[in-house]
Amino acid sequence: MIQYNKYAIGRVIRQIRKEHGLSQEVCSGLAGIARSHLAMIETGAKQPNFKTIWHIANALEIPPHQLVLYIEEAAKKQAHSDEKE
């Protein structure tokens, strides 16, 4: 079972956003959310609901299920590295 990890969500979104060359301002505008909201998601201060994940995925031009898969992979890696410590 994969544990929910709000920090993995933020890291993945930030990484993909930067890979696409988007600022928080542009990405949040495309997603229809406030820049401050996106910033809080990226730092793990806010937990996005699925509708927000969907809008962010569309802004990043990837299918929502792909974004969720990336988040799952990041959460698994984090859990695995936490186990080693």
PDB file of N, CA and C in Angstrom:
ATOM      1  N   MET A   1       0.853  -1.179   0.000  1.00  0.00           N
ATOM      2  CA  MET A   1       0.000   0.000   0.000  1.00  0.00           C
ATOM      3  C   MET A   1       0.894   1.236   0.000  1.00  0.00           C
ATOM      4  N   ILE A   2       0.582   2.171  -0.844  1.00  0.00           N
ATOM      5  CA  ILE A   2       1.336   3.413  -0.939  1.00  0.00           C
ATOM      6  C   ILE A   2       0.748   4.425   0.042  1.00  0.00           C
ATOM      7  N   GLN A   3       1.598   4.988   0.875  1.00  0.00           N
ATOM      8  CA  GLN A   3       1.159   5.998   1.825  1.00  0.00           C
ATOM      9  C   GLN A   3       1.070   7.361   1.144  1.00  0.00           C
ATOM     10  N   TYR A   4       0.072   8.129   1.537  1.00  0.00           N
ATOM     11  CA  TYR A   4      -0.093   9.496   1.018  1.00  0.00           C
ATOM     12  C   TYR A   4       1.104  10.330   1.459  1.00  0.00           C
ATOM     13  N   ASN A   5       1.663  11.092   0.543  1.00  0.00           N
ATOM     14  CA  ASN A   5       2.823  11.917   0.849  1.00  0.00           C
ATOM     15  C   ASN A   5       2.669  13.267   0.153  1.00  0.00           C
ATOM     16  N   LYS A   6       2.236  14.272   0.925  1.00  0.00           N
ATOM     17  CA  LYS A   6       1.989  15.590   0.336  1.00  0.00           C
ATOM     18  C   LYS A   6       3.265  16.236  -0.179  1.00  0.00           C
ATOM     19  N   TYR A   7       4.412  15.854   0.379  1.00  0.00           N
ATOM     20  CA  TYR A   7       5.679  16.419  -0.090  1.00  0.00           C
ATOM     21  C   TYR A   7       6.064  15.838  -1.450  1.00  0.00           C
ATOM     22  N   ALA A   8       5.745  14.567  -1.666  1.00  0.00           N
ATOM     23  CA  ALA A   8       6.007  13.946  -2.969  1.00  0.00           C
ATOM     24  C   ALA A   8       5.169  14.628  -4.052  1.00  0.00           C
ATOM     25  N   ILE A   9       3.943  14.952  -3.724  1.00  0.00           N
ATOM     26  CA  ILE A   9       3.073  15.643  -4.675  1.00  0.00           C
ATOM     27  C   ILE A   9       3.715  16.960  -5.107  1.00  0.00           C
ATOM     28  N   GLY A  10       4.138  17.735  -4.135  1.00  0.00           N
ATOM     29  CA  GLY A  10       4.746  19.027  -4.426  1.00  0.00           C
ATOM     30  C   GLY A  10       6.033  18.917  -5.215  1.00  0.00           C
ATOM     31  N   ARG A  11       6.891  17.953  -4.838  1.00  0.00           N
ATOM     32  CA  ARG A  11       8.158  17.776  -5.555  1.00  0.00           C
ATOM     33  C   ARG A  11       7.928  17.408  -7.009  1.00  0.00           C
ATOM     34  N   VAL A  12       6.986  16.504  -7.246  1.00  0.00           N
ATOM     35  CA  VAL A  12       6.703  16.055  -8.608  1.00  0.00           C
ATOM     36  C   VAL A  12       6.148  17.204  -9.445  1.00  0.00           C
ATOM     37  N   ILE A  13       5.194  17.922  -8.904  1.00  0.00           N
ATOM     38  CA  ILE A  13       4.602  19.036  -9.654  1.00  0.00           C
ATOM     39  C   ILE A  13       5.669  20.081  -9.963  1.00  0.00           C
ATOM     40  N   ARG A  14       6.492  20.433  -8.979  1.00  0.00           N
ATOM     41  CA  ARG A  14       7.550  21.423  -9.198  1.00  0.00           C
ATOM     42  C   ARG A  14       8.528  20.949 -10.272  1.00  0.00           C
ATOM     43  N   GLN A  15       8.927  19.683 -10.189  1.00  0.00           N
ATOM     44  CA  GLN A  15       9.887  19.144 -11.158  1.00  0.00           C
ATOM     45  C   GLN A  15       9.330  19.192 -12.578  1.00  0.00           C
ATOM     46  N   ILE A  16       8.102  18.737 -12.758  1.00  0.00           N
ATOM     47  CA  ILE A  16       7.509  18.724 -14.096  1.00  0.00           C
ATOM     48  C   ILE A  16       7.296  20.148 -14.593  1.00  0.00           C
ATOM     49  N   ARG A  17       6.853  21.023 -13.707  1.00  0.00           N
ATOM     50  CA  ARG A  17       6.641  22.425 -14.098  1.00  0.00           C
ATOM     51  C   ARG A  17       7.949  23.037 -14.598  1.00  0.00           C
ATOM     52  N   LYS A  18       9.030  22.791 -13.871  1.00  0.00           N
ATOM     53  CA  LYS A  18      10.328  23.339 -14.280  1.00  0.00           C
ATOM     54  C   LYS A  18      10.818  22.700 -15.574  1.00  0.00           C
ATOM     55  N   GLU A  19      10.588  21.393 -15.737  1.00  0.00           N
ATOM     56  CA  GLU A  19      10.979  20.718 -16.980  1.00  0.00           C
ATOM     57  C   GLU A  19      10.262  21.322 -18.186  1.00  0.00           C
ATOM     58  N   HIS A  20       9.041  21.791 -17.967  1.00  0.00           N
ATOM     59  CA  HIS A  20       8.268  22.420 -19.040  1.00  0.00           C
ATOM     60  C   HIS A  20       8.601  23.903 -19.185  1.00  0.00           C
ATOM     61  N   GLY A  21       9.495  24.396 -18.343  1.00  0.00           N
ATOM     62  CA  GLY A  21       9.902  25.795 -18.436  1.00  0.00           C
ATOM     63  C   GLY A  21       8.828  26.777 -18.025  1.00  0.00           C
ATOM     64  N   LEU A  22       7.947  26.352 -17.116  1.00  0.00           N
ATOM     65  CA  LEU A  22       6.854  27.212 -16.676  1.00  0.00           C
ATOM     66  C   LEU A  22       7.158  27.820 -15.312  1.00  0.00           C
ATOM     67  N   SER A  23       6.860  29.087 -15.163  1.00  0.00           N
ATOM     68  CA  SER A  23       6.937  29.717 -13.841  1.00  0.00           C
ATOM     69  C   SER A  23       5.698  29.313 -13.054  1.00  0.00           C
ATOM     70  N   GLN A  24       5.733  29.543 -11.746  1.00  0.00           N
ATOM     71  CA  GLN A  24       4.535  29.285 -10.943  1.00  0.00           C
ATOM     72  C   GLN A  24       3.388  30.157 -11.420  1.00  0.00           C
ATOM     73  N   GLU A  25       3.702  31.383 -11.798  1.00  0.00           N
ATOM     74  CA  GLU A  25       2.673  32.322 -12.252  1.00  0.00           C
ATOM     75  C   GLU A  25       1.952  31.792 -13.493  1.00  0.00           C
ATOM     76  N   VAL A  26       2.713  31.342 -14.477  1.00  0.00           N
ATOM     77  CA  VAL A  26       2.121  30.841 -15.719  1.00  0.00           C
ATOM     78  C   VAL A  26       1.375  29.533 -15.468  1.00  0.00           C
ATOM     79  N   CYS A  27       2.010  28.611 -14.763  1.00  0.00           N
ATOM     80  CA  CYS A  27       1.385  27.305 -14.506  1.00  0.00           C
ATOM     81  C   CYS A  27       0.084  27.468 -13.729  1.00  0.00           C
ATOM     82  N   SER A  28       0.115  28.291 -12.694  1.00  0.00           N
ATOM     83  CA  SER A  28      -1.102  28.481 -11.900  1.00  0.00           C
ATOM     84  C   SER A  28      -2.200  29.133 -12.739  1.00  0.00           C
ATOM     85  N   GLY A  29      -1.812  30.062 -13.615  1.00  0.00           N
ATOM     86  CA  GLY A  29      -2.797  30.684 -14.501  1.00  0.00           C
ATOM     87  C   GLY A  29      -3.437  29.674 -15.427  1.00  0.00           C
ATOM     88  N   LEU A  30      -2.621  28.795 -16.004  1.00  0.00           N
ATOM     89  CA  LEU A  30      -3.144  27.751 -16.886  1.00  0.00           C
ATOM     90  C   LEU A  30      -4.036  26.769 -16.129  1.00  0.00           C
ATOM     91  N   ALA A  31      -3.706  26.552 -14.850  1.00  0.00           N
ATOM     92  CA  ALA A  31      -4.486  25.617 -14.035  1.00  0.00           C
ATOM     93  C   ALA A  31      -5.724  26.271 -13.423  1.00  0.00           C
ATOM     94  N   GLY A  32      -5.790  27.587 -13.476  1.00  0.00           N
ATOM     95  CA  GLY A  32      -6.941  28.291 -12.909  1.00  0.00           C
ATOM     96  C   GLY A  32      -6.923  28.363 -11.398  1.00  0.00           C
ATOM     97  N   ILE A  33      -5.712  28.383 -10.820  1.00  0.00           N
ATOM     98  CA  ILE A  33      -5.578  28.508  -9.367  1.00  0.00           C
ATOM     99  C   ILE A  33      -4.638  29.680  -9.073  1.00  0.00           C
ATOM    100  N   ALA A  34      -4.656  30.146  -7.851  1.00  0.00           N
ATOM    101  CA  ALA A  34      -3.780  31.252  -7.461  1.00  0.00           C
ATOM    102  C   ALA A  34      -2.328  30.767  -7.408  1.00  0.00           C
ATOM    103  N   ARG A  35      -1.398  31.659  -7.729  1.00  0.00           N
ATOM    104  CA  ARG A  35       0.023  31.313  -7.669  1.00  0.00           C
ATOM    105  C   ARG A  35       0.413  30.897  -6.261  1.00  0.00           C
ATOM    106  N   SER A  36      -0.141  31.582  -5.266  1.00  0.00           N
ATOM    107  CA  SER A  36       0.173  31.243  -3.872  1.00  0.00           C
ATOM    108  C   SER A  36      -0.321  29.838  -3.525  1.00  0.00           C
ATOM    109  N   HIS A  37      -1.439  29.436  -4.093  1.00  0.00           N
ATOM    110  CA  HIS A  37      -1.963  28.089  -3.861  1.00  0.00           C
ATOM    111  C   HIS A  37      -1.005  27.055  -4.450  1.00  0.00           C
ATOM    112  N   LEU A  38      -0.540  27.284  -5.672  1.00  0.00           N
ATOM    113  CA  LEU A  38       0.415  26.370  -6.290  1.00  0.00           C
ATOM    114  C   LEU A  38       1.702  26.315  -5.475  1.00  0.00           C
ATOM    115  N   ALA A  39       2.164  27.462  -5.011  1.00  0.00           N
ATOM    116  CA  ALA A  39       3.388  27.501  -4.198  1.00  0.00           C
ATOM    117  C   ALA A  39       3.217  26.669  -2.934  1.00  0.00           C
ATOM    118  N   MET A  40       2.062  26.767  -2.292  1.00  0.00           N
ATOM    119  CA  MET A  40       1.818  25.999  -1.068  1.00  0.00           C
ATOM    120  C   MET A  40       1.713  24.500  -1.363  1.00  0.00           C
ATOM    121  N   ILE A  41       1.160  24.138  -2.510  1.00  0.00           N
ATOM    122  CA  ILE A  41       1.110  22.725  -2.909  1.00  0.00           C
ATOM    123  C   ILE A  41       2.527  22.210  -3.120  1.00  0.00           C
ATOM    124  N   GLU A  42       3.349  22.997  -3.801  1.00  0.00           N
ATOM    125  CA  GLU A  42       4.716  22.568  -4.097  1.00  0.00           C
ATOM    126  C   GLU A  42       5.567  22.409  -2.845  1.00  0.00           C
ATOM    127  N   THR A  43       5.276  23.166  -1.799  1.00  0.00           N
ATOM    128  CA  THR A  43       6.042  23.046  -0.556  1.00  0.00           C
ATOM    129  C   THR A  43       5.432  22.042   0.419  1.00  0.00           C
ATOM    130  N   GLY A  44       4.254  21.538   0.105  1.00  0.00           N
ATOM    131  CA  GLY A  44       3.588  20.592   0.987  1.00  0.00           C
ATOM    132  C   GLY A  44       2.744  21.252   2.062  1.00  0.00           C
ATOM    133  N   ALA A  45       2.601  22.581   1.994  1.00  0.00           N
ATOM    134  CA  ALA A  45       1.803  23.300   2.980  1.00  0.00           C
ATOM    135  C   ALA A  45       0.302  23.123   2.740  1.00  0.00           C
ATOM    136  N   LYS A  46      -0.074  22.825   1.510  1.00  0.00           N
ATOM    137  CA  LYS A  46      -1.478  22.578   1.142  1.00  0.00           C
ATOM    138  C   LYS A  46      -1.591  21.234   0.457  1.00  0.00           C
ATOM    139  N   GLN A  47      -2.698  20.580   0.684  1.00  0.00           N
ATOM    140  CA  GLN A  47      -2.971  19.294   0.034  1.00  0.00           C
ATOM    141  C   GLN A  47      -4.012  19.516  -1.059  1.00  0.00           C
ATOM    142  N   PRO A  48      -3.624  19.292  -2.314  1.00  0.00           N
ATOM    143  CA  PRO A  48      -4.581  19.525  -3.395  1.00  0.00           C
ATOM    144  C   PRO A  48      -5.639  18.421  -3.460  1.00  0.00           C
ATOM    145  N   ASN A  49      -6.855  18.807  -3.823  1.00  0.00           N
ATOM    146  CA  ASN A  49      -7.869  17.788  -4.069  1.00  0.00           C
ATOM    147  C   ASN A  49      -7.693  17.271  -5.498  1.00  0.00           C
ATOM    148  N   PHE A  50      -8.469  16.271  -5.870  1.00  0.00           N
ATOM    149  CA  PHE A  50      -8.267  15.671  -7.184  1.00  0.00           C
ATOM    150  C   PHE A  50      -8.594  16.638  -8.314  1.00  0.00           C
ATOM    151  N   LYS A  51      -9.566  17.498  -8.109  1.00  0.00           N
ATOM    152  CA  LYS A  51      -9.906  18.480  -9.141  1.00  0.00           C
ATOM    153  C   LYS A  51      -8.707  19.396  -9.406  1.00  0.00           C
ATOM    154  N   THR A  52      -8.019  19.807  -8.360  1.00  0.00           N
ATOM    155  CA  THR A  52      -6.840  20.659  -8.518  1.00  0.00           C
ATOM    156  C   THR A  52      -5.719  19.899  -9.203  1.00  0.00           C
ATOM    157  N   ILE A  53      -5.510  18.638  -8.827  1.00  0.00           N
ATOM    158  CA  ILE A  53      -4.508  17.790  -9.488  1.00  0.00           C
ATOM    159  C   ILE A  53      -4.831  17.716 -10.984  1.00  0.00           C
ATOM    160  N   TRP A  54      -6.101  17.532 -11.303  1.00  0.00           N
ATOM    161  CA  TRP A  54      -6.555  17.438 -12.694  1.00  0.00           C
ATOM    162  C   TRP A  54      -6.204  18.712 -13.462  1.00  0.00           C
ATOM    163  N   HIS A  55      -6.510  19.867 -12.862  1.00  0.00           N
ATOM    164  CA  HIS A  55      -6.227  21.145 -13.520  1.00  0.00           C
ATOM    165  C   HIS A  55      -4.725  21.377 -13.681  1.00  0.00           C
ATOM    166  N   ILE A  56      -3.949  21.011 -12.675  1.00  0.00           N
ATOM    167  CA  ILE A  56      -2.496  21.163 -12.771  1.00  0.00           C
ATOM    168  C   ILE A  56      -1.951  20.252 -13.864  1.00  0.00           C
ATOM    169  N   ALA A  57      -2.423  19.017 -13.923  1.00  0.00           N
ATOM    170  CA  ALA A  57      -1.982  18.093 -14.978  1.00  0.00           C
ATOM    171  C   ALA A  57      -2.268  18.679 -16.358  1.00  0.00           C
ATOM    172  N   ASN A  58      -3.454  19.225 -16.531  1.00  0.00           N
ATOM    173  CA  ASN A  58      -3.797  19.838 -17.822  1.00  0.00           C
ATOM    174  C   ASN A  58      -2.875  21.013 -18.129  1.00  0.00           C
ATOM    175  N   ALA A  59      -2.553  21.807 -17.113  1.00  0.00           N
ATOM    176  CA  ALA A  59      -1.644  22.938 -17.304  1.00  0.00           C
ATOM    177  C   ALA A  59      -0.252  22.455 -17.712  1.00  0.00           C
ATOM    178  N   LEU A  60       0.143  21.291 -17.191  1.00  0.00           N
ATOM    179  CA  LEU A  60       1.447  20.718 -17.509  1.00  0.00           C
ATOM    180  C   LEU A  60       1.409  19.885 -18.795  1.00  0.00           C
ATOM    181  N   GLU A  61       0.235  19.821 -19.399  1.00  0.00           N
ATOM    182  CA  GLU A  61       0.017  19.086 -20.648  1.00  0.00           C
ATOM    183  C   GLU A  61       0.352  17.603 -20.533  1.00  0.00           C
ATOM    184  N   ILE A  62      -0.052  17.016 -19.403  1.00  0.00           N
ATOM    185  CA  ILE A  62       0.061  15.571 -19.231  1.00  0.00           C
ATOM    186  C   ILE A  62      -1.282  15.053 -18.725  1.00  0.00           C
ATOM    187  N   PRO A  63      -1.608  13.795 -19.034  1.00  0.00           N
ATOM    188  CA  PRO A  63      -2.870  13.249 -18.537  1.00  0.00           C
ATOM    189  C   PRO A  63      -2.850  13.170 -17.005  1.00  0.00           C
ATOM    190  N   PRO A  64      -3.968  13.442 -16.369  1.00  0.00           N
ATOM    191  CA  PRO A  64      -4.016  13.387 -14.904  1.00  0.00           C
ATOM    192  C   PRO A  64      -3.527  12.052 -14.336  1.00  0.00           C
ATOM    193  N   HIS A  65      -3.855  10.949 -15.006  1.00  0.00           N
ATOM    194  CA  HIS A  65      -3.421   9.652 -14.479  1.00  0.00           C
ATOM    195  C   HIS A  65      -1.899   9.539 -14.505  1.00  0.00           C
ATOM    196  N   GLN A  66      -1.251  10.177 -15.476  1.00  0.00           N
ATOM    197  CA  GLN A  66       0.209  10.131 -15.544  1.00  0.00           C
ATOM    198  C   GLN A  66       0.819  10.922 -14.386  1.00  0.00           C
ATOM    199  N   LEU A  67       0.229  12.065 -14.077  1.00  0.00           N
ATOM    200  CA  LEU A  67       0.717  12.842 -12.939  1.00  0.00           C
ATOM    201  C   LEU A  67       0.574  12.040 -11.651  1.00  0.00           C
ATOM    202  N   VAL A  68      -0.546  11.372 -11.486  1.00  0.00           N
ATOM    203  CA  VAL A  68      -0.756  10.545 -10.293  1.00  0.00           C
ATOM    204  C   VAL A  68       0.268   9.407 -10.248  1.00  0.00           C
ATOM    205  N   LEU A  69       0.573   8.798 -11.387  1.00  0.00           N
ATOM    206  CA  LEU A  69       1.591   7.741 -11.416  1.00  0.00           C
ATOM    207  C   LEU A  69       2.957   8.271 -11.002  1.00  0.00           C
ATOM    208  N   TYR A  70       3.321   9.452 -11.489  1.00  0.00           N
ATOM    209  CA  TYR A  70       4.589  10.065 -11.087  1.00  0.00           C
ATOM    210  C   TYR A  70       4.620  10.316  -9.579  1.00  0.00           C
ATOM    211  N   ILE A  71       3.503  10.773  -9.042  1.00  0.00           N
ATOM    212  CA  ILE A  71       3.411  11.027  -7.604  1.00  0.00           C
ATOM    213  C   ILE A  71       3.541   9.725  -6.824  1.00  0.00           C
ATOM    214  N   GLU A  72       2.873   8.661  -7.294  1.00  0.00           N
ATOM    215  CA  GLU A  72       2.978   7.355  -6.643  1.00  0.00           C
ATOM    216  C   GLU A  72       4.427   6.868  -6.620  1.00  0.00           C
ATOM    217  N   GLU A  73       5.115   7.004  -7.752  1.00  0.00           N
ATOM    218  CA  GLU A  73       6.508   6.571  -7.836  1.00  0.00           C
ATOM    219  C   GLU A  73       7.378   7.347  -6.857  1.00  0.00           C
ATOM    220  N   ALA A  74       7.161   8.654  -6.769  1.00  0.00           N
ATOM    221  CA  ALA A  74       7.933   9.483  -5.845  1.00  0.00           C
ATOM    222  C   ALA A  74       7.638   9.104  -4.398  1.00  0.00           C
ATOM    223  N   ALA A  75       6.382   8.824  -4.088  1.00  0.00           N
ATOM    224  CA  ALA A  75       6.010   8.430  -2.724  1.00  0.00           C
ATOM    225  C   ALA A  75       6.638   7.082  -2.361  1.00  0.00           C
ATOM    226  N   LYS A  76       6.660   6.149  -3.315  1.00  0.00           N
ATOM    227  CA  LYS A  76       7.290   4.847  -3.071  1.00  0.00           C
ATOM    228  C   LYS A  76       8.780   5.009  -2.804  1.00  0.00           C
ATOM    229  N   LYS A  77       9.446   5.818  -3.628  1.00  0.00           N
ATOM    230  CA  LYS A  77      10.883   6.044  -3.447  1.00  0.00           C
ATOM    231  C   LYS A  77      11.165   6.666  -2.091  1.00  0.00           C
ATOM    232  N   GLN A  78      10.333   7.639  -1.689  1.00  0.00           N
ATOM    233  CA  GLN A  78      10.519   8.290  -0.398  1.00  0.00           C
ATOM    234  C   GLN A  78      10.321   7.289   0.736  1.00  0.00           C
ATOM    235  N   ALA A  79       9.283   6.467   0.642  1.00  0.00           N
ATOM    236  CA  ALA A  79       9.017   5.470   1.686  1.00  0.00           C
ATOM    237  C   ALA A  79      10.171   4.472   1.767  1.00  0.00           C
ATOM    238  N   HIS A  80      10.683   4.084   0.613  1.00  0.00           N
ATOM    239  CA  HIS A  80      11.794   3.131   0.583  1.00  0.00           C
ATOM    240  C   HIS A  80      13.047   3.729   1.223  1.00  0.00           C
ATOM    241  N   SER A  81      13.330   4.990   0.917  1.00  0.00           N
ATOM    242  CA  SER A  81      14.516   5.626   1.484  1.00  0.00           C
ATOM    243  C   SER A  81      14.331   5.875   2.991  1.00  0.00           C
ATOM    244  N   ASP A  82      13.085   6.140   3.415  1.00  0.00           N
ATOM    245  CA  ASP A  82      12.803   6.315   4.847  1.00  0.00           C
ATOM    246  C   ASP A  82      13.035   5.006   5.609  1.00  0.00           C
ATOM    247  N   GLU A  83      12.713   3.875   4.976  1.00  0.00           N
ATOM    248  CA  GLU A  83      12.903   2.565   5.593  1.00  0.00           C
ATOM    249  C   GLU A  83      14.381   2.268   5.827  1.00  0.00           C
ATOM    250  N   LYS A  84      15.218   2.748   4.937  1.00  0.00           N
ATOM    251  CA  LYS A  84      16.645   2.479   5.040  1.00  0.00           C
ATOM    252  C   LYS A  84      17.299   3.253   6.170  1.00  0.00           C
ATOM    253  N   GLU A  85      16.680   4.370   6.567  1.00  0.00           N
ATOM    254  CA  GLU A  85      17.274   5.217   7.610  1.00  0.00           C
ATOM    255  C   GLU A  85      17.053   4.683   8.984  1.00  0.00           C
TER     256      GLU A  85
END
